[in-house]
């Protein structure tokens, strides 16, 4: 992108600085593992999970749901938060934990609205938020804070709590996380 002039040099430099800080920020996220282990105790016996994300966080929501399915055998769906009213909202109640990736500053008010909709249906919210968050931290039952970073880089940090949540739930359920059932170790193309 830099060579093609797709981004200004100043933006490139800013991204480079932020990218070089990611390893330390990953360590900060990993330090939340005791909290995530504790959360896993509360949610290990649920039958379904919903994961919501907007923008860069939508693919992270898909990955979080996939990891939970693969290693804990709990039904989980990742969904674009903007589409929550078109189906998933009908399933939300006190038995459906909803993991909301809420680090997207450009859609923050919309994410707050999504969480309010979940709360109105007695849904339990686990929110992944950035350090500067205030509103969502007050709405969600459980909050996992990740360090601030460039919005395009947040998936590198926000996926970690989801992987840890899936891991700890699977272990607590007695699942073999090293050899998940019916999961191929590699993808082959025929």
N, C-alpha and C. Protein backbone atom coordinates (compact mmCIF):
# COMPACT_ATOMS: atom_id res chain seq x y z
N UNK A 1 0.83 -1.18 0.00
CA UNK A 1 0.00 0.00 0.00
C UNK A 1 0.88 1.25 0.00
N UNK A 2 1.99 1.16 0.70
CA UNK A 2 2.90 2.31 0.78
C UNK A 2 3.51 2.60 -0.59
N UNK A 3 4.01 1.55 -1.27
CA UNK A 3 4.65 1.73 -2.57
C UNK A 3 3.68 2.23 -3.62
N UNK A 4 2.43 1.80 -3.51
CA UNK A 4 1.42 2.21 -4.48
C UNK A 4 0.81 3.55 -4.14
N UNK A 5 1.18 4.09 -2.99
CA UNK A 5 0.63 5.38 -2.58
C UNK A 5 -0.81 5.29 -2.09
N UNK A 6 -1.23 4.10 -1.70
CA UNK A 6 -2.61 3.90 -1.25
C UNK A 6 -2.86 4.51 0.13
N UNK A 7 -1.80 4.65 0.92
CA UNK A 7 -1.94 5.32 2.21
C UNK A 7 -0.84 6.38 2.33
N UNK A 8 -1.13 7.47 3.00
CA UNK A 8 -0.10 8.50 3.18
C UNK A 8 1.05 7.97 4.03
N UNK A 9 2.21 8.53 3.83
CA UNK A 9 3.40 8.11 4.58
C UNK A 9 3.18 8.23 6.09
N UNK A 10 2.51 9.29 6.52
CA UNK A 10 2.28 9.48 7.96
C UNK A 10 1.42 8.34 8.54
N UNK A 11 0.43 7.91 7.78
CA UNK A 11 -0.41 6.80 8.24
C UNK A 11 0.39 5.50 8.27
N UNK A 12 1.23 5.31 7.28
CA UNK A 12 2.10 4.13 7.25
C UNK A 12 3.00 4.10 8.48
N UNK A 13 3.61 5.23 8.81
CA UNK A 13 4.49 5.31 9.98
C UNK A 13 3.72 5.03 11.27
N UNK A 14 2.52 5.57 11.36
CA UNK A 14 1.68 5.35 12.54
C UNK A 14 1.35 3.85 12.68
N UNK A 15 0.99 3.20 11.58
CA UNK A 15 0.69 1.76 11.62
C UNK A 15 1.93 0.95 12.00
N UNK A 16 3.08 1.36 11.49
CA UNK A 16 4.32 0.64 11.80
C UNK A 16 4.64 0.72 13.30
N UNK A 17 4.45 1.89 13.88
CA UNK A 17 4.69 2.06 15.32
C UNK A 17 3.71 1.20 16.11
N UNK A 18 2.44 1.25 15.74
CA UNK A 18 1.42 0.45 16.44
C UNK A 18 1.70 -1.04 16.30
N UNK A 19 2.10 -1.47 15.12
CA UNK A 19 2.38 -2.88 14.89
C UNK A 19 3.56 -3.35 15.73
N UNK A 20 4.56 -2.50 15.88
CA UNK A 20 5.72 -2.88 16.70
C UNK A 20 5.36 -2.99 18.18
N UNK A 21 4.27 -2.36 18.59
CA UNK A 21 3.84 -2.42 19.99
C UNK A 21 2.94 -3.63 20.28
N UNK A 22 2.51 -4.33 19.24
CA UNK A 22 1.57 -5.44 19.41
C UNK A 22 2.09 -6.54 20.35
N UNK A 23 3.35 -6.98 20.25
CA UNK A 23 3.79 -8.05 21.17
C UNK A 23 3.59 -7.71 22.65
N UNK A 24 3.90 -6.49 23.05
CA UNK A 24 3.69 -6.09 24.45
C UNK A 24 2.21 -6.04 24.80
N UNK A 25 1.40 -5.62 23.83
CA UNK A 25 -0.04 -5.55 24.06
C UNK A 25 -0.64 -6.95 24.14
N UNK A 26 -0.11 -7.88 23.37
CA UNK A 26 -0.55 -9.28 23.46
C UNK A 26 -0.27 -9.80 24.87
N UNK A 27 0.89 -9.47 25.41
CA UNK A 27 1.23 -9.89 26.78
C UNK A 27 0.22 -9.32 27.78
N UNK A 28 -0.20 -8.07 27.56
CA UNK A 28 -1.21 -7.47 28.44
C UNK A 28 -2.53 -8.22 28.35
N UNK A 29 -2.92 -8.61 27.15
CA UNK A 29 -4.17 -9.37 26.98
C UNK A 29 -4.05 -10.73 27.65
N UNK A 30 -2.92 -11.38 27.49
CA UNK A 30 -2.73 -12.69 28.12
C UNK A 30 -2.79 -12.60 29.65
N UNK A 31 -2.49 -11.44 30.19
CA UNK A 31 -2.57 -11.25 31.64
C UNK A 31 -4.01 -11.30 32.15
N UNK A 32 -4.99 -11.22 31.24
CA UNK A 32 -6.40 -11.31 31.65
C UNK A 32 -6.87 -12.76 31.77
N UNK A 33 -5.98 -13.71 31.54
CA UNK A 33 -6.38 -15.12 31.57
C UNK A 33 -7.08 -15.55 32.86
N UNK A 34 -6.63 -15.14 34.05
CA UNK A 34 -7.36 -15.55 35.26
C UNK A 34 -8.83 -15.11 35.26
N UNK A 35 -9.10 -13.91 34.78
CA UNK A 35 -10.48 -13.43 34.67
C UNK A 35 -11.27 -14.30 33.69
N UNK A 36 -10.66 -14.63 32.56
CA UNK A 36 -11.33 -15.43 31.55
C UNK A 36 -11.58 -16.85 32.07
N UNK A 37 -10.65 -17.39 32.81
CA UNK A 37 -10.84 -18.71 33.41
C UNK A 37 -12.04 -18.68 34.36
N UNK A 38 -12.14 -17.62 35.13
CA UNK A 38 -13.27 -17.45 36.06
C UNK A 38 -14.60 -17.35 35.29
N UNK A 39 -14.61 -16.59 34.21
CA UNK A 39 -15.81 -16.48 33.36
C UNK A 39 -16.20 -17.85 32.81
N UNK A 40 -15.22 -18.62 32.44
CA UNK A 40 -15.46 -19.94 31.86
C UNK A 40 -16.24 -20.83 32.82
N UNK A 41 -15.96 -20.70 34.10
CA UNK A 41 -16.69 -21.46 35.12
C UNK A 41 -18.19 -21.16 35.04
N UNK A 42 -18.51 -19.89 34.88
CA UNK A 42 -19.91 -19.48 34.83
C UNK A 42 -20.63 -19.98 33.58
N UNK A 43 -19.91 -20.07 32.47
CA UNK A 43 -20.56 -20.35 31.19
C UNK A 43 -20.30 -21.75 30.64
N UNK A 44 -19.62 -22.60 31.37
CA UNK A 44 -19.24 -23.91 30.84
C UNK A 44 -20.42 -24.83 30.53
N UNK A 45 -21.56 -24.60 31.15
CA UNK A 45 -22.69 -25.50 30.96
C UNK A 45 -23.79 -24.96 30.05
N UNK A 46 -23.56 -23.82 29.42
CA UNK A 46 -24.60 -23.29 28.53
C UNK A 46 -24.64 -24.09 27.23
N UNK A 47 -25.78 -24.05 26.56
CA UNK A 47 -25.94 -24.83 25.33
C UNK A 47 -25.62 -24.03 24.07
N UNK A 48 -25.71 -22.70 24.15
CA UNK A 48 -25.54 -21.85 22.97
C UNK A 48 -24.83 -20.56 23.34
N UNK A 49 -24.09 -20.02 22.38
CA UNK A 49 -23.44 -18.72 22.51
C UNK A 49 -23.70 -17.93 21.23
N UNK A 50 -23.78 -16.62 21.35
CA UNK A 50 -23.85 -15.75 20.19
C UNK A 50 -22.67 -14.78 20.28
N UNK A 51 -21.97 -14.59 19.17
CA UNK A 51 -20.84 -13.66 19.09
C UNK A 51 -21.21 -12.57 18.09
N UNK A 52 -21.04 -11.32 18.48
CA UNK A 52 -21.37 -10.19 17.61
C UNK A 52 -20.17 -9.29 17.41
N UNK A 53 -19.98 -8.84 16.18
CA UNK A 53 -18.91 -7.91 15.87
C UNK A 53 -19.29 -7.03 14.69
N UNK A 54 -18.70 -5.87 14.62
CA UNK A 54 -18.90 -4.94 13.51
C UNK A 54 -17.55 -4.62 12.88
N UNK A 55 -17.57 -4.35 11.59
CA UNK A 55 -16.35 -3.96 10.90
C UNK A 55 -15.26 -5.02 11.02
N UNK A 56 -14.07 -4.59 11.44
CA UNK A 56 -12.95 -5.52 11.59
C UNK A 56 -13.27 -6.64 12.59
N UNK A 57 -14.18 -6.39 13.49
CA UNK A 57 -14.48 -7.37 14.53
C UNK A 57 -15.48 -8.45 14.11
N UNK A 58 -16.14 -8.29 12.97
CA UNK A 58 -17.06 -9.35 12.55
C UNK A 58 -16.32 -10.66 12.28
N UNK A 59 -15.21 -10.66 11.51
CA UNK A 59 -14.49 -11.94 11.34
C UNK A 59 -13.96 -12.51 12.65
N UNK A 60 -13.65 -11.64 13.60
CA UNK A 60 -13.19 -12.11 14.91
C UNK A 60 -14.34 -12.81 15.64
N UNK A 61 -15.55 -12.28 15.51
CA UNK A 61 -16.73 -12.92 16.10
C UNK A 61 -16.92 -14.31 15.49
N UNK A 62 -16.75 -14.41 14.19
CA UNK A 62 -16.86 -15.72 13.52
C UNK A 62 -15.82 -16.69 14.06
N UNK A 63 -14.60 -16.21 14.21
CA UNK A 63 -13.51 -17.06 14.72
C UNK A 63 -13.77 -17.49 16.16
N UNK A 64 -14.25 -16.58 16.99
CA UNK A 64 -14.55 -16.93 18.37
C UNK A 64 -15.61 -18.02 18.46
N UNK A 65 -16.66 -17.88 17.67
CA UNK A 65 -17.73 -18.90 17.66
C UNK A 65 -17.20 -20.23 17.15
N UNK A 66 -16.38 -20.18 16.11
CA UNK A 66 -15.81 -21.41 15.55
C UNK A 66 -14.93 -22.13 16.57
N UNK A 67 -14.08 -21.39 17.25
CA UNK A 67 -13.20 -22.02 18.26
C UNK A 67 -14.02 -22.68 19.36
N UNK A 68 -15.06 -22.01 19.83
CA UNK A 68 -15.89 -22.58 20.88
C UNK A 68 -16.55 -23.88 20.41
N UNK A 69 -17.08 -23.87 19.19
CA UNK A 69 -17.69 -25.08 18.62
C UNK A 69 -16.69 -26.20 18.49
N UNK A 70 -15.52 -25.88 17.94
CA UNK A 70 -14.52 -26.91 17.64
C UNK A 70 -13.99 -27.63 18.86
N UNK A 71 -13.78 -26.91 19.95
CA UNK A 71 -13.11 -27.57 21.07
C UNK A 71 -13.97 -27.81 22.30
N UNK A 72 -15.14 -27.14 22.38
CA UNK A 72 -15.99 -27.39 23.55
C UNK A 72 -17.31 -28.04 23.18
N UNK A 73 -17.59 -28.09 21.88
CA UNK A 73 -18.81 -28.73 21.37
C UNK A 73 -20.07 -28.01 21.84
N UNK A 74 -19.98 -26.71 21.99
CA UNK A 74 -21.14 -25.87 22.30
C UNK A 74 -21.56 -25.18 21.01
N UNK A 75 -22.86 -25.16 20.74
CA UNK A 75 -23.35 -24.46 19.57
C UNK A 75 -23.08 -22.96 19.73
N UNK A 76 -22.43 -22.38 18.75
CA UNK A 76 -22.11 -20.95 18.79
C UNK A 76 -22.22 -20.38 17.38
N UNK A 77 -22.72 -19.17 17.30
CA UNK A 77 -22.83 -18.48 16.02
C UNK A 77 -22.15 -17.12 16.11
N UNK A 78 -21.39 -16.79 15.07
CA UNK A 78 -20.86 -15.45 14.93
C UNK A 78 -21.77 -14.71 13.97
N UNK A 79 -22.06 -13.48 14.27
CA UNK A 79 -23.02 -12.74 13.46
C UNK A 79 -22.60 -11.29 13.36
N UNK A 80 -22.87 -10.64 12.21
CA UNK A 80 -22.59 -9.21 12.15
C UNK A 80 -23.56 -8.47 13.07
N UNK A 81 -23.06 -7.65 13.94
CA UNK A 81 -23.91 -6.96 14.91
C UNK A 81 -24.99 -6.13 14.22
N UNK A 82 -24.70 -5.61 13.05
CA UNK A 82 -25.68 -4.80 12.33
C UNK A 82 -26.89 -5.63 11.89
N UNK A 83 -26.73 -6.93 11.83
CA UNK A 83 -27.81 -7.83 11.40
C UNK A 83 -28.48 -8.54 12.57
N UNK A 84 -28.16 -8.16 13.78
CA UNK A 84 -28.69 -8.85 14.95
C UNK A 84 -30.21 -8.90 14.96
N UNK A 85 -30.86 -7.85 14.49
CA UNK A 85 -32.32 -7.79 14.51
C UNK A 85 -32.96 -8.70 13.47
N UNK A 86 -32.17 -9.28 12.60
CA UNK A 86 -32.70 -10.13 11.54
C UNK A 86 -32.48 -11.60 11.85
N UNK A 87 -32.92 -12.04 12.99
CA UNK A 87 -32.82 -13.46 13.33
C UNK A 87 -32.31 -13.73 14.72
N UNK A 88 -31.03 -13.47 14.99
CA UNK A 88 -30.47 -13.85 16.28
C UNK A 88 -31.18 -13.24 17.48
N UNK A 89 -31.76 -12.07 17.31
CA UNK A 89 -32.39 -11.40 18.45
C UNK A 89 -33.53 -12.25 19.02
N UNK A 90 -34.15 -13.07 18.18
CA UNK A 90 -35.25 -13.92 18.63
C UNK A 90 -34.78 -15.00 19.60
N UNK A 91 -33.50 -15.32 19.57
CA UNK A 91 -32.96 -16.38 20.41
C UNK A 91 -32.42 -15.88 21.75
N UNK A 92 -32.30 -14.58 21.89
CA UNK A 92 -31.65 -14.03 23.08
C UNK A 92 -32.57 -14.06 24.29
N UNK A 93 -32.06 -14.68 25.35
CA UNK A 93 -32.70 -14.67 26.66
C UNK A 93 -31.62 -14.90 27.70
N UNK A 94 -32.02 -15.16 28.95
CA UNK A 94 -31.02 -15.31 30.02
C UNK A 94 -30.14 -16.54 29.85
N UNK A 95 -30.53 -17.45 28.95
CA UNK A 95 -29.74 -18.66 28.72
C UNK A 95 -28.80 -18.55 27.53
N UNK A 96 -28.77 -17.39 26.87
CA UNK A 96 -27.94 -17.20 25.69
C UNK A 96 -26.90 -16.12 25.97
N UNK A 97 -25.68 -16.52 26.38
CA UNK A 97 -24.63 -15.52 26.54
C UNK A 97 -24.28 -14.91 25.18
N UNK A 98 -24.04 -13.62 25.19
CA UNK A 98 -23.69 -12.90 23.96
C UNK A 98 -22.33 -12.25 24.16
N UNK A 99 -21.37 -12.66 23.35
CA UNK A 99 -20.04 -12.06 23.38
C UNK A 99 -20.04 -10.94 22.35
N UNK A 100 -19.77 -9.73 22.81
CA UNK A 100 -19.79 -8.56 21.93
C UNK A 100 -18.39 -7.99 21.83
N UNK A 101 -17.88 -7.94 20.61
CA UNK A 101 -16.58 -7.31 20.37
C UNK A 101 -16.85 -5.82 20.18
N UNK A 102 -16.46 -5.04 21.17
CA UNK A 102 -16.85 -3.64 21.23
C UNK A 102 -15.65 -2.70 21.20
N UNK A 103 -14.70 -2.98 20.34
CA UNK A 103 -13.51 -2.13 20.24
C UNK A 103 -13.57 -1.19 19.05
N UNK A 104 -14.64 -1.26 18.28
CA UNK A 104 -14.77 -0.49 17.05
C UNK A 104 -15.25 0.93 17.37
N UNK A 105 -14.33 1.86 17.41
CA UNK A 105 -14.68 3.23 17.75
C UNK A 105 -15.59 3.89 16.71
N UNK A 106 -15.45 3.52 15.46
CA UNK A 106 -16.25 4.16 14.41
C UNK A 106 -17.72 3.75 14.47
N UNK A 107 -18.04 2.67 15.15
CA UNK A 107 -19.44 2.23 15.27
C UNK A 107 -19.84 2.07 16.74
N UNK A 108 -19.20 2.81 17.61
CA UNK A 108 -19.37 2.63 19.05
C UNK A 108 -20.83 2.77 19.49
N UNK A 109 -21.50 3.82 19.06
CA UNK A 109 -22.89 4.04 19.48
C UNK A 109 -23.80 2.91 19.02
N UNK A 110 -23.53 2.38 17.85
CA UNK A 110 -24.33 1.26 17.34
C UNK A 110 -24.10 0.00 18.17
N UNK A 111 -22.87 -0.20 18.61
CA UNK A 111 -22.56 -1.36 19.45
C UNK A 111 -23.24 -1.21 20.81
N UNK A 112 -23.23 0.00 21.35
CA UNK A 112 -23.94 0.26 22.61
C UNK A 112 -25.42 -0.09 22.43
N UNK A 113 -26.00 0.31 21.31
CA UNK A 113 -27.40 0.01 21.02
C UNK A 113 -27.64 -1.50 20.95
N UNK A 114 -26.72 -2.23 20.30
CA UNK A 114 -26.83 -3.69 20.24
C UNK A 114 -26.86 -4.29 21.65
N UNK A 115 -25.98 -3.82 22.50
CA UNK A 115 -25.91 -4.34 23.87
C UNK A 115 -27.19 -4.01 24.63
N UNK A 116 -27.72 -2.82 24.43
CA UNK A 116 -28.98 -2.46 25.08
C UNK A 116 -30.12 -3.38 24.63
N UNK A 117 -30.13 -3.74 23.35
CA UNK A 117 -31.14 -4.68 22.83
C UNK A 117 -30.99 -6.05 23.49
N UNK A 118 -29.77 -6.51 23.64
CA UNK A 118 -29.51 -7.80 24.30
C UNK A 118 -29.98 -7.73 25.75
N UNK A 119 -29.63 -6.66 26.44
CA UNK A 119 -30.00 -6.50 27.85
C UNK A 119 -31.52 -6.43 28.02
N UNK A 120 -32.22 -5.81 27.07
CA UNK A 120 -33.68 -5.70 27.15
C UNK A 120 -34.34 -7.08 27.09
N UNK A 121 -33.62 -8.06 26.55
CA UNK A 121 -34.13 -9.43 26.46
C UNK A 121 -33.51 -10.34 27.52
N UNK A 122 -32.92 -9.74 28.51
CA UNK A 122 -32.29 -10.44 29.64
C UNK A 122 -31.07 -11.27 29.23
N UNK A 123 -30.49 -10.94 28.08
CA UNK A 123 -29.27 -11.62 27.65
C UNK A 123 -28.09 -11.23 28.53
N UNK A 124 -27.16 -12.15 28.67
CA UNK A 124 -25.95 -11.90 29.46
C UNK A 124 -24.83 -11.51 28.50
N UNK A 125 -24.20 -10.39 28.75
CA UNK A 125 -23.21 -9.84 27.83
C UNK A 125 -21.81 -9.98 28.39
N UNK A 126 -20.94 -10.55 27.55
CA UNK A 126 -19.50 -10.56 27.79
C UNK A 126 -18.94 -9.62 26.74
N UNK A 127 -18.37 -8.50 27.15
CA UNK A 127 -17.88 -7.50 26.20
C UNK A 127 -16.36 -7.47 26.19
N UNK A 128 -15.83 -7.43 24.98
CA UNK A 128 -14.40 -7.20 24.78
C UNK A 128 -14.30 -5.72 24.41
N UNK A 129 -13.66 -4.93 25.26
CA UNK A 129 -13.61 -3.48 25.06
C UNK A 129 -12.17 -2.98 25.08
N UNK A 130 -12.00 -1.77 24.57
CA UNK A 130 -10.70 -1.09 24.64
C UNK A 130 -10.58 -0.35 25.96
N UNK A 131 -9.37 0.00 26.31
CA UNK A 131 -9.09 0.63 27.61
C UNK A 131 -9.90 1.90 27.87
N UNK A 132 -10.18 2.65 26.84
CA UNK A 132 -10.86 3.93 27.02
C UNK A 132 -12.37 3.80 27.16
N UNK A 133 -12.90 2.60 27.13
CA UNK A 133 -14.35 2.40 27.16
C UNK A 133 -14.95 2.83 28.49
N UNK A 134 -16.16 3.38 28.41
CA UNK A 134 -16.90 3.73 29.62
C UNK A 134 -18.32 3.17 29.58
N UNK A 135 -19.07 3.47 28.53
CA UNK A 135 -20.49 3.09 28.46
C UNK A 135 -20.70 1.59 28.47
N UNK A 136 -19.96 0.87 27.66
CA UNK A 136 -20.17 -0.57 27.55
C UNK A 136 -19.76 -1.27 28.84
N UNK A 137 -18.72 -0.79 29.47
CA UNK A 137 -18.29 -1.39 30.73
C UNK A 137 -19.38 -1.33 31.79
N UNK A 138 -20.24 -0.33 31.71
CA UNK A 138 -21.34 -0.22 32.66
C UNK A 138 -22.54 -1.08 32.28
N UNK A 139 -22.68 -1.41 31.00
CA UNK A 139 -23.82 -2.20 30.52
C UNK A 139 -23.61 -3.71 30.63
N UNK A 140 -22.40 -4.14 30.36
CA UNK A 140 -22.11 -5.58 30.27
C UNK A 140 -21.93 -6.20 31.66
N UNK A 141 -22.34 -7.46 31.79
CA UNK A 141 -22.10 -8.19 33.04
C UNK A 141 -20.62 -8.48 33.23
N UNK A 142 -19.97 -8.79 32.12
CA UNK A 142 -18.55 -9.15 32.16
C UNK A 142 -17.81 -8.35 31.10
N UNK A 143 -16.65 -7.84 31.49
CA UNK A 143 -15.86 -7.02 30.58
C UNK A 143 -14.43 -7.52 30.57
N UNK A 144 -13.89 -7.69 29.38
CA UNK A 144 -12.48 -8.02 29.20
C UNK A 144 -11.87 -6.84 28.45
N UNK A 145 -10.89 -6.22 29.05
CA UNK A 145 -10.28 -5.02 28.48
C UNK A 145 -9.02 -5.39 27.72
N UNK A 146 -8.93 -4.86 26.50
CA UNK A 146 -7.71 -5.01 25.71
C UNK A 146 -7.08 -3.63 25.51
N UNK A 147 -5.78 -3.58 25.28
CA UNK A 147 -5.12 -2.28 25.09
C UNK A 147 -5.62 -1.56 23.84
N UNK A 148 -5.54 -0.25 23.89
CA UNK A 148 -5.86 0.57 22.72
C UNK A 148 -4.84 0.30 21.63
N UNK A 149 -5.31 0.29 20.40
CA UNK A 149 -4.42 0.20 19.24
C UNK A 149 -5.16 0.75 18.03
N UNK A 150 -4.47 0.84 16.94
CA UNK A 150 -5.08 1.25 15.68
C UNK A 150 -6.24 0.31 15.38
N UNK A 151 -7.37 0.85 14.97
CA UNK A 151 -8.58 0.04 14.77
C UNK A 151 -8.34 -1.17 13.86
N UNK A 152 -7.56 -0.99 12.82
CA UNK A 152 -7.29 -2.11 11.90
C UNK A 152 -6.50 -3.23 12.56
N UNK A 153 -5.83 -2.94 13.66
CA UNK A 153 -5.02 -3.96 14.35
C UNK A 153 -5.74 -4.60 15.53
N UNK A 154 -6.92 -4.11 15.89
CA UNK A 154 -7.62 -4.66 17.06
C UNK A 154 -7.90 -6.16 16.96
N UNK A 155 -8.15 -6.73 15.77
CA UNK A 155 -8.38 -8.18 15.74
C UNK A 155 -7.21 -8.99 16.29
N UNK A 156 -5.99 -8.48 16.15
CA UNK A 156 -4.83 -9.20 16.68
C UNK A 156 -4.92 -9.35 18.20
N UNK A 157 -5.59 -8.42 18.85
CA UNK A 157 -5.73 -8.46 20.30
C UNK A 157 -7.07 -9.04 20.75
N UNK A 158 -8.14 -8.69 20.04
CA UNK A 158 -9.47 -9.10 20.49
C UNK A 158 -9.75 -10.59 20.30
N UNK A 159 -9.02 -11.24 19.42
CA UNK A 159 -9.23 -12.68 19.23
C UNK A 159 -8.68 -13.50 20.40
N UNK A 160 -7.70 -12.99 21.10
CA UNK A 160 -7.05 -13.75 22.18
C UNK A 160 -8.01 -14.10 23.31
N UNK A 161 -8.79 -13.14 23.83
CA UNK A 161 -9.74 -13.53 24.89
C UNK A 161 -10.74 -14.58 24.42
N UNK A 162 -11.12 -14.54 23.15
CA UNK A 162 -12.07 -15.52 22.64
C UNK A 162 -11.45 -16.90 22.58
N UNK A 163 -10.19 -16.96 22.19
CA UNK A 163 -9.49 -18.25 22.18
C UNK A 163 -9.34 -18.80 23.59
N UNK A 164 -9.01 -17.93 24.54
CA UNK A 164 -8.86 -18.37 25.93
C UNK A 164 -10.19 -18.81 26.52
N UNK A 165 -11.26 -18.11 26.19
CA UNK A 165 -12.59 -18.49 26.67
C UNK A 165 -12.96 -19.88 26.15
N UNK A 166 -12.76 -20.11 24.87
CA UNK A 166 -13.07 -21.42 24.29
C UNK A 166 -12.21 -22.50 24.94
N UNK A 167 -10.94 -22.22 25.11
CA UNK A 167 -10.02 -23.19 25.71
C UNK A 167 -10.46 -23.57 27.13
N UNK A 168 -10.70 -22.57 27.96
CA UNK A 168 -11.03 -22.86 29.36
C UNK A 168 -12.40 -23.53 29.50
N UNK A 169 -13.36 -23.13 28.68
CA UNK A 169 -14.66 -23.81 28.72
C UNK A 169 -14.49 -25.27 28.33
N UNK A 170 -13.71 -25.52 27.28
CA UNK A 170 -13.49 -26.90 26.83
C UNK A 170 -12.83 -27.74 27.92
N UNK A 171 -11.81 -27.20 28.55
CA UNK A 171 -11.11 -27.94 29.61
C UNK A 171 -12.07 -28.23 30.76
N UNK A 172 -12.86 -27.24 31.16
CA UNK A 172 -13.80 -27.44 32.26
C UNK A 172 -14.88 -28.46 31.92
N UNK A 173 -15.19 -28.60 30.64
CA UNK A 173 -16.19 -29.58 30.21
C UNK A 173 -15.57 -30.97 30.02
N UNK A 174 -14.26 -31.06 30.21
CA UNK A 174 -13.59 -32.35 30.05
C UNK A 174 -13.28 -32.72 28.62
N UNK A 175 -13.26 -31.74 27.74
CA UNK A 175 -12.97 -31.99 26.32
C UNK A 175 -11.45 -32.05 26.11
N UNK A 176 -11.04 -32.88 25.17
CA UNK A 176 -9.63 -32.99 24.83
C UNK A 176 -9.29 -31.87 23.84
N UNK A 177 -8.68 -30.81 24.32
CA UNK A 177 -8.39 -29.67 23.46
C UNK A 177 -7.25 -29.94 22.48
N UNK A 178 -6.45 -30.96 22.77
CA UNK A 178 -5.35 -31.30 21.87
C UNK A 178 -5.80 -32.16 20.70
N UNK A 179 -6.90 -32.86 20.87
CA UNK A 179 -7.43 -33.70 19.79
C UNK A 179 -8.95 -33.58 19.74
N UNK A 180 -9.44 -32.43 19.26
CA UNK A 180 -10.89 -32.26 19.16
C UNK A 180 -11.49 -33.31 18.22
N UNK A 181 -12.67 -33.78 18.56
CA UNK A 181 -13.30 -34.83 17.74
C UNK A 181 -13.69 -34.28 16.37
N UNK A 182 -13.56 -35.13 15.38
CA UNK A 182 -13.98 -34.83 14.01
C UNK A 182 -13.32 -33.60 13.40
N UNK A 183 -12.15 -33.24 13.89
CA UNK A 183 -11.47 -32.06 13.37
C UNK A 183 -10.16 -32.49 12.72
N UNK A 184 -10.04 -32.21 11.43
CA UNK A 184 -8.82 -32.56 10.72
C UNK A 184 -7.72 -31.58 11.11
N UNK A 185 -6.48 -32.08 11.20
CA UNK A 185 -5.35 -31.22 11.56
C UNK A 185 -4.93 -30.32 10.42
N UNK A 186 -5.28 -30.68 9.21
CA UNK A 186 -4.92 -29.84 8.07
C UNK A 186 -6.02 -29.89 7.03
N UNK A 187 -6.01 -28.91 6.18
CA UNK A 187 -6.98 -28.85 5.10
C UNK A 187 -6.31 -29.39 3.85
N UNK A 188 -6.98 -30.30 3.19
CA UNK A 188 -6.43 -30.84 1.94
C UNK A 188 -7.33 -30.44 0.79
N UNK A 189 -6.73 -30.24 -0.34
CA UNK A 189 -7.48 -29.89 -1.54
C UNK A 189 -7.39 -31.05 -2.50
N UNK A 190 -8.52 -31.49 -2.97
CA UNK A 190 -8.52 -32.61 -3.93
C UNK A 190 -8.88 -32.14 -5.31
